[in-house]
N, C-alpha and C. Protein backbone atom coordinates (compact mmCIF):
# COMPACT_ATOMS: atom_id res chain seq x y z
N GLY A 1 95.67 331.86 65.28
CA GLY A 1 96.66 332.05 66.33
C GLY A 1 97.70 333.04 65.89
N ILE A 2 98.55 333.39 66.85
CA ILE A 2 99.62 334.35 66.59
C ILE A 2 100.83 333.57 66.09
N ASN A 3 101.45 334.05 65.05
CA ASN A 3 102.62 333.44 64.45
C ASN A 3 103.79 333.49 65.44
N ALA A 4 104.46 332.34 65.65
CA ALA A 4 105.57 332.26 66.60
C ALA A 4 106.74 333.15 66.16
N GLU A 5 106.98 333.20 64.86
CA GLU A 5 108.09 334.03 64.36
C GLU A 5 107.82 335.50 64.67
N TYR A 6 106.54 335.92 64.49
CA TYR A 6 106.16 337.30 64.79
C TYR A 6 106.40 337.61 66.27
N MET A 7 106.00 336.65 67.14
CA MET A 7 106.17 336.84 68.58
C MET A 7 107.66 336.91 68.92
N GLY A 8 108.47 336.07 68.25
CA GLY A 8 109.91 336.10 68.49
C GLY A 8 110.51 337.45 68.10
N ASN A 9 110.03 338.00 66.99
CA ASN A 9 110.51 339.32 66.56
C ASN A 9 110.13 340.40 67.56
N ILE A 10 108.96 340.30 68.13
CA ILE A 10 108.52 341.28 69.14
C ILE A 10 109.45 341.22 70.35
N GLU A 11 109.76 339.97 70.82
CA GLU A 11 110.63 339.81 71.97
C GLU A 11 112.03 340.33 71.70
N VAL A 12 112.56 340.05 70.51
CA VAL A 12 113.89 340.56 70.15
C VAL A 12 113.84 342.09 70.09
N GLY A 13 112.75 342.62 69.57
CA GLY A 13 112.62 344.08 69.49
C GLY A 13 112.63 344.72 70.87
N LYS A 14 111.99 344.07 71.83
CA LYS A 14 111.96 344.61 73.20
C LYS A 14 113.34 344.57 73.85
N CYS A 15 114.12 343.56 73.52
CA CYS A 15 115.43 343.37 74.15
C CYS A 15 116.57 344.02 73.38
N LYS A 16 116.29 344.48 72.18
CA LYS A 16 117.33 344.98 71.27
C LYS A 16 118.16 346.08 71.93
N ASP A 17 117.50 346.99 72.61
CA ASP A 17 118.22 348.10 73.23
C ASP A 17 119.03 347.64 74.44
N LYS A 18 118.66 346.53 75.03
CA LYS A 18 119.34 346.03 76.23
C LYS A 18 120.52 345.13 75.89
N LEU A 19 120.57 344.57 74.68
CA LEU A 19 121.64 343.66 74.30
C LEU A 19 122.87 344.43 73.86
N ASN A 20 124.00 343.90 74.24
CA ASN A 20 125.28 344.48 73.86
C ASN A 20 126.06 343.38 73.16
N VAL A 21 126.72 343.68 72.08
CA VAL A 21 127.48 342.69 71.33
C VAL A 21 128.51 342.02 72.22
N MET A 22 129.03 342.72 73.18
CA MET A 22 130.04 342.17 74.08
C MET A 22 129.44 341.12 75.03
N ASP A 23 128.14 341.21 75.26
CA ASP A 23 127.48 340.29 76.19
C ASP A 23 126.97 339.02 75.53
N VAL A 24 127.05 338.93 74.22
CA VAL A 24 126.47 337.80 73.50
C VAL A 24 127.05 336.47 73.98
N ASP A 25 128.37 336.39 74.15
CA ASP A 25 128.98 335.13 74.60
C ASP A 25 128.49 334.74 75.99
N ASP A 26 128.39 335.72 76.88
CA ASP A 26 127.90 335.45 78.24
C ASP A 26 126.45 334.98 78.21
N ILE A 27 125.67 335.64 77.38
CA ILE A 27 124.26 335.27 77.25
C ILE A 27 124.13 333.87 76.69
N LEU A 28 124.93 333.55 75.67
CA LEU A 28 124.91 332.20 75.09
C LEU A 28 125.30 331.15 76.12
N GLN A 29 126.32 331.46 76.93
CA GLN A 29 126.75 330.53 77.98
C GLN A 29 125.64 330.33 79.01
N ASP A 30 124.99 331.43 79.40
CA ASP A 30 123.88 331.33 80.36
C ASP A 30 122.73 330.50 79.79
N LEU A 31 122.40 330.75 78.52
CA LEU A 31 121.34 329.99 77.87
C LEU A 31 121.71 328.52 77.76
N HIS A 32 122.96 328.25 77.40
CA HIS A 32 123.43 326.87 77.28
C HIS A 32 123.33 326.17 78.64
N SER A 33 123.76 326.83 79.70
CA SER A 33 123.68 326.25 81.05
C SER A 33 122.24 325.99 81.46
N ALA A 34 121.38 326.96 81.18
CA ALA A 34 119.97 326.80 81.53
C ALA A 34 119.34 325.63 80.77
N LEU A 35 119.70 325.51 79.49
CA LEU A 35 119.16 324.40 78.69
C LEU A 35 119.72 323.07 79.16
N GLU A 36 120.97 323.02 79.56
CA GLU A 36 121.56 321.79 80.10
C GLU A 36 120.84 321.37 81.38
N GLU A 37 120.59 322.33 82.26
CA GLU A 37 119.86 322.04 83.50
C GLU A 37 118.46 321.51 83.19
N GLU A 38 117.79 322.16 82.26
CA GLU A 38 116.45 321.73 81.87
C GLU A 38 116.49 320.32 81.26
N HIS A 39 117.51 320.06 80.45
CA HIS A 39 117.68 318.75 79.83
C HIS A 39 117.86 317.67 80.91
N GLU A 40 118.72 317.91 81.89
CA GLU A 40 118.94 316.96 82.98
C GLU A 40 117.66 316.74 83.79
N PHE A 41 116.96 317.83 84.06
CA PHE A 41 115.70 317.71 84.81
C PHE A 41 114.68 316.87 84.04
N LEU A 42 114.58 317.13 82.75
CA LEU A 42 113.62 316.37 81.93
C LEU A 42 114.00 314.90 81.84
N LEU A 43 115.30 314.60 81.71
CA LEU A 43 115.74 313.20 81.70
C LEU A 43 115.38 312.51 83.01
N HIS A 44 115.61 313.20 84.12
CA HIS A 44 115.26 312.65 85.44
C HIS A 44 113.74 312.44 85.54
N SER A 45 112.99 313.42 85.08
CA SER A 45 111.53 313.33 85.13
C SER A 45 111.02 312.17 84.29
N VAL A 46 111.58 312.01 83.10
CA VAL A 46 111.18 310.91 82.22
C VAL A 46 111.48 309.57 82.89
N GLY A 47 112.64 309.47 83.51
CA GLY A 47 112.99 308.23 84.22
C GLY A 47 112.02 307.94 85.35
N HIS A 48 111.65 308.98 86.08
CA HIS A 48 110.71 308.82 87.18
C HIS A 48 109.33 308.40 86.66
N VAL A 49 108.88 309.05 85.62
CA VAL A 49 107.57 308.71 85.04
C VAL A 49 107.59 307.29 84.48
N ARG A 50 108.67 306.91 83.82
CA ARG A 50 108.79 305.55 83.26
C ARG A 50 108.72 304.52 84.40
N GLN A 51 109.46 304.77 85.49
CA GLN A 51 109.45 303.85 86.63
C GLN A 51 108.05 303.76 87.24
N SER A 52 107.37 304.89 87.35
CA SER A 52 106.01 304.90 87.89
C SER A 52 105.06 304.09 87.01
N LEU A 53 105.20 304.23 85.70
CA LEU A 53 104.36 303.47 84.78
C LEU A 53 104.65 301.98 84.88
N GLU A 54 105.92 301.61 84.99
CA GLU A 54 106.28 300.20 85.12
C GLU A 54 105.73 299.63 86.43
N ASP A 55 105.83 300.40 87.51
CA ASP A 55 105.27 299.96 88.80
C ASP A 55 103.76 299.79 88.70
N GLU A 56 103.11 300.72 88.04
CA GLU A 56 101.65 300.64 87.89
C GLU A 56 101.26 299.43 87.05
N MET A 57 102.02 299.16 86.00
CA MET A 57 101.73 297.99 85.17
C MET A 57 101.91 296.70 85.96
N ALA A 58 102.96 296.63 86.77
CA ALA A 58 103.20 295.44 87.59
C ALA A 58 102.07 295.27 88.60
N PHE A 59 101.65 296.36 89.23
CA PHE A 59 100.56 296.29 90.20
C PHE A 59 99.28 295.86 89.51
N SER A 60 99.02 296.42 88.34
CA SER A 60 97.81 296.09 87.59
C SER A 60 97.79 294.62 87.22
N THR A 61 98.96 294.09 86.82
CA THR A 61 99.06 292.68 86.47
C THR A 61 98.76 291.80 87.68
N LYS A 62 99.28 292.18 88.83
CA LYS A 62 99.04 291.41 90.06
C LYS A 62 97.57 291.45 90.45
N THR A 63 96.95 292.62 90.36
CA THR A 63 95.57 292.75 90.81
C THR A 63 94.59 292.12 89.83
N GLN A 64 94.98 291.99 88.56
CA GLN A 64 94.08 291.34 87.60
C GLN A 64 93.96 289.86 87.91
N ARG A 65 94.99 289.28 88.52
CA ARG A 65 94.93 287.86 88.88
C ARG A 65 94.05 287.63 90.10
N PHE A 66 93.81 288.66 90.88
CA PHE A 66 92.97 288.55 92.07
C PHE A 66 91.51 288.55 91.66
N ARG A 67 90.79 287.52 92.10
CA ARG A 67 89.37 287.41 91.77
C ARG A 67 88.57 287.80 93.00
N VAL A 68 87.64 288.70 92.82
CA VAL A 68 86.77 289.13 93.91
C VAL A 68 85.78 288.00 94.20
N PRO A 69 85.68 287.59 95.48
CA PRO A 69 84.75 286.50 95.80
C PRO A 69 83.29 286.92 95.58
N SER A 70 82.48 285.93 95.26
CA SER A 70 81.05 286.19 95.05
C SER A 70 80.36 286.33 96.40
N VAL A 71 79.13 286.79 96.36
CA VAL A 71 78.33 286.93 97.59
C VAL A 71 78.13 285.56 98.23
N VAL A 72 77.89 284.55 97.41
CA VAL A 72 77.69 283.19 97.93
C VAL A 72 78.96 282.71 98.64
N GLU A 73 80.12 282.94 98.01
CA GLU A 73 81.38 282.52 98.63
C GLU A 73 81.62 283.26 99.94
N LEU A 74 81.32 284.53 99.98
CA LEU A 74 81.48 285.30 101.22
C LEU A 74 80.52 284.79 102.29
N SER A 75 79.31 284.46 101.89
CA SER A 75 78.33 283.93 102.84
C SER A 75 78.80 282.59 103.41
N GLN A 76 79.35 281.74 102.55
CA GLN A 76 79.87 280.44 103.00
C GLN A 76 81.05 280.64 103.96
N LEU A 77 81.91 281.59 103.65
CA LEU A 77 83.03 281.87 104.53
C LEU A 77 82.54 282.36 105.89
N CYS A 78 81.54 283.20 105.87
CA CYS A 78 80.95 283.72 107.12
C CYS A 78 80.39 282.56 107.95
N ASP A 79 79.67 281.65 107.31
CA ASP A 79 79.10 280.49 108.01
C ASP A 79 80.21 279.63 108.60
N THR A 80 81.26 279.40 107.84
CA THR A 80 82.39 278.59 108.30
C THR A 80 83.06 279.24 109.51
N LEU A 81 83.26 280.54 109.46
CA LEU A 81 83.88 281.25 110.58
C LEU A 81 83.00 281.21 111.82
N LYS A 82 81.70 281.34 111.65
CA LYS A 82 80.78 281.25 112.78
C LYS A 82 80.84 279.86 113.40
N GLU A 83 80.87 278.84 112.56
CA GLU A 83 80.93 277.45 113.04
C GLU A 83 82.24 277.22 113.80
N GLU A 84 83.35 277.73 113.27
CA GLU A 84 84.64 277.58 113.95
C GLU A 84 84.63 278.32 115.28
N GLU A 85 83.98 279.47 115.34
CA GLU A 85 83.89 280.23 116.59
C GLU A 85 83.10 279.44 117.63
N VAL A 86 82.01 278.82 117.21
CA VAL A 86 81.20 278.02 118.13
C VAL A 86 82.03 276.84 118.66
N GLN A 87 82.76 276.19 117.76
CA GLN A 87 83.59 275.05 118.18
C GLN A 87 84.68 275.50 119.14
N LEU A 88 85.29 276.62 118.87
CA LEU A 88 86.34 277.14 119.74
C LEU A 88 85.78 277.49 121.11
N THR A 89 84.62 278.14 121.14
CA THR A 89 83.98 278.49 122.40
C THR A 89 83.66 277.23 123.20
N HIS A 90 83.12 276.21 122.53
CA HIS A 90 82.79 274.95 123.19
C HIS A 90 84.06 274.30 123.75
N ARG A 91 85.13 274.29 122.94
CA ARG A 91 86.40 273.69 123.38
C ARG A 91 86.95 274.42 124.60
N GLU A 92 86.84 275.76 124.61
CA GLU A 92 87.31 276.54 125.75
C GLU A 92 86.51 276.21 127.00
N LYS A 93 85.19 276.06 126.86
CA LYS A 93 84.34 275.71 128.00
C LYS A 93 84.71 274.33 128.54
N VAL A 94 84.89 273.36 127.63
CA VAL A 94 85.25 272.00 128.06
C VAL A 94 86.59 272.00 128.75
N ASN A 95 87.55 272.73 128.22
CA ASN A 95 88.89 272.78 128.82
C ASN A 95 88.88 273.49 130.17
N SER A 96 87.92 274.34 130.42
CA SER A 96 87.87 275.06 131.69
C SER A 96 87.22 274.22 132.80
N LEU A 97 86.55 273.11 132.44
CA LEU A 97 85.95 272.23 133.44
C LEU A 97 87.04 271.51 134.22
N PRO A 98 86.76 271.18 135.49
CA PRO A 98 87.76 270.44 136.26
C PRO A 98 87.97 269.05 135.69
N ASP A 99 89.16 268.53 135.84
CA ASP A 99 89.52 267.21 135.32
C ASP A 99 88.82 266.14 136.17
N PRO A 100 87.91 265.32 135.57
CA PRO A 100 87.15 264.33 136.36
C PRO A 100 88.06 263.25 136.96
N SER A 101 89.16 262.93 136.32
CA SER A 101 90.04 261.90 136.86
C SER A 101 90.69 262.36 138.16
N LYS A 102 91.01 263.64 138.26
CA LYS A 102 91.60 264.20 139.50
C LYS A 102 90.57 264.15 140.62
N ARG A 103 89.31 264.44 140.29
CA ARG A 103 88.25 264.45 141.30
C ARG A 103 88.02 263.00 141.79
N ALA A 104 88.03 262.04 140.84
CA ALA A 104 87.83 260.64 141.25
C ALA A 104 88.98 260.18 142.14
N ASN A 105 90.20 260.51 141.78
CA ASN A 105 91.35 260.14 142.60
C ASN A 105 91.28 260.77 143.97
N SER A 106 90.79 261.97 144.02
CA SER A 106 90.65 262.68 145.30
C SER A 106 89.60 261.99 146.17
N LEU A 107 88.49 261.57 145.57
CA LEU A 107 87.44 260.86 146.31
C LEU A 107 87.93 259.50 146.81
N LEU A 108 88.64 258.79 145.97
CA LEU A 108 89.17 257.48 146.36
C LEU A 108 90.20 257.62 147.47
N ALA A 109 90.98 258.64 147.42
CA ALA A 109 92.00 258.84 148.45
C ALA A 109 91.37 259.18 149.79
N SER A 110 90.20 259.80 149.77
CA SER A 110 89.55 260.17 151.03
C SER A 110 88.84 258.99 151.66
N LEU A 111 88.65 257.87 151.00
CA LEU A 111 87.98 256.69 151.53
C LEU A 111 88.87 255.92 152.39
């Protein structure tokens, strides 16, 4: 690989003619501000990533407690639901029939 110090010297060499001793303080202030902004951004990013990891761990813990039902259990549930549907349908049909006591009272009243 290329030596980092060598690359740094190349960059300084390119900028050497553009740098002015009078501008050094301004450049340092600009660099300091840029680094402060980067530092704040990285701290925020780390906090966000940490929170995301904690949320993922909590979700993972919750989902590990969930047991996927077996095929047999699902089949039994299906049978139970079908049976309940049949019972409900039968109950609805019975409830829709006319009340026999009202019909008997009506017949007796007509005599």
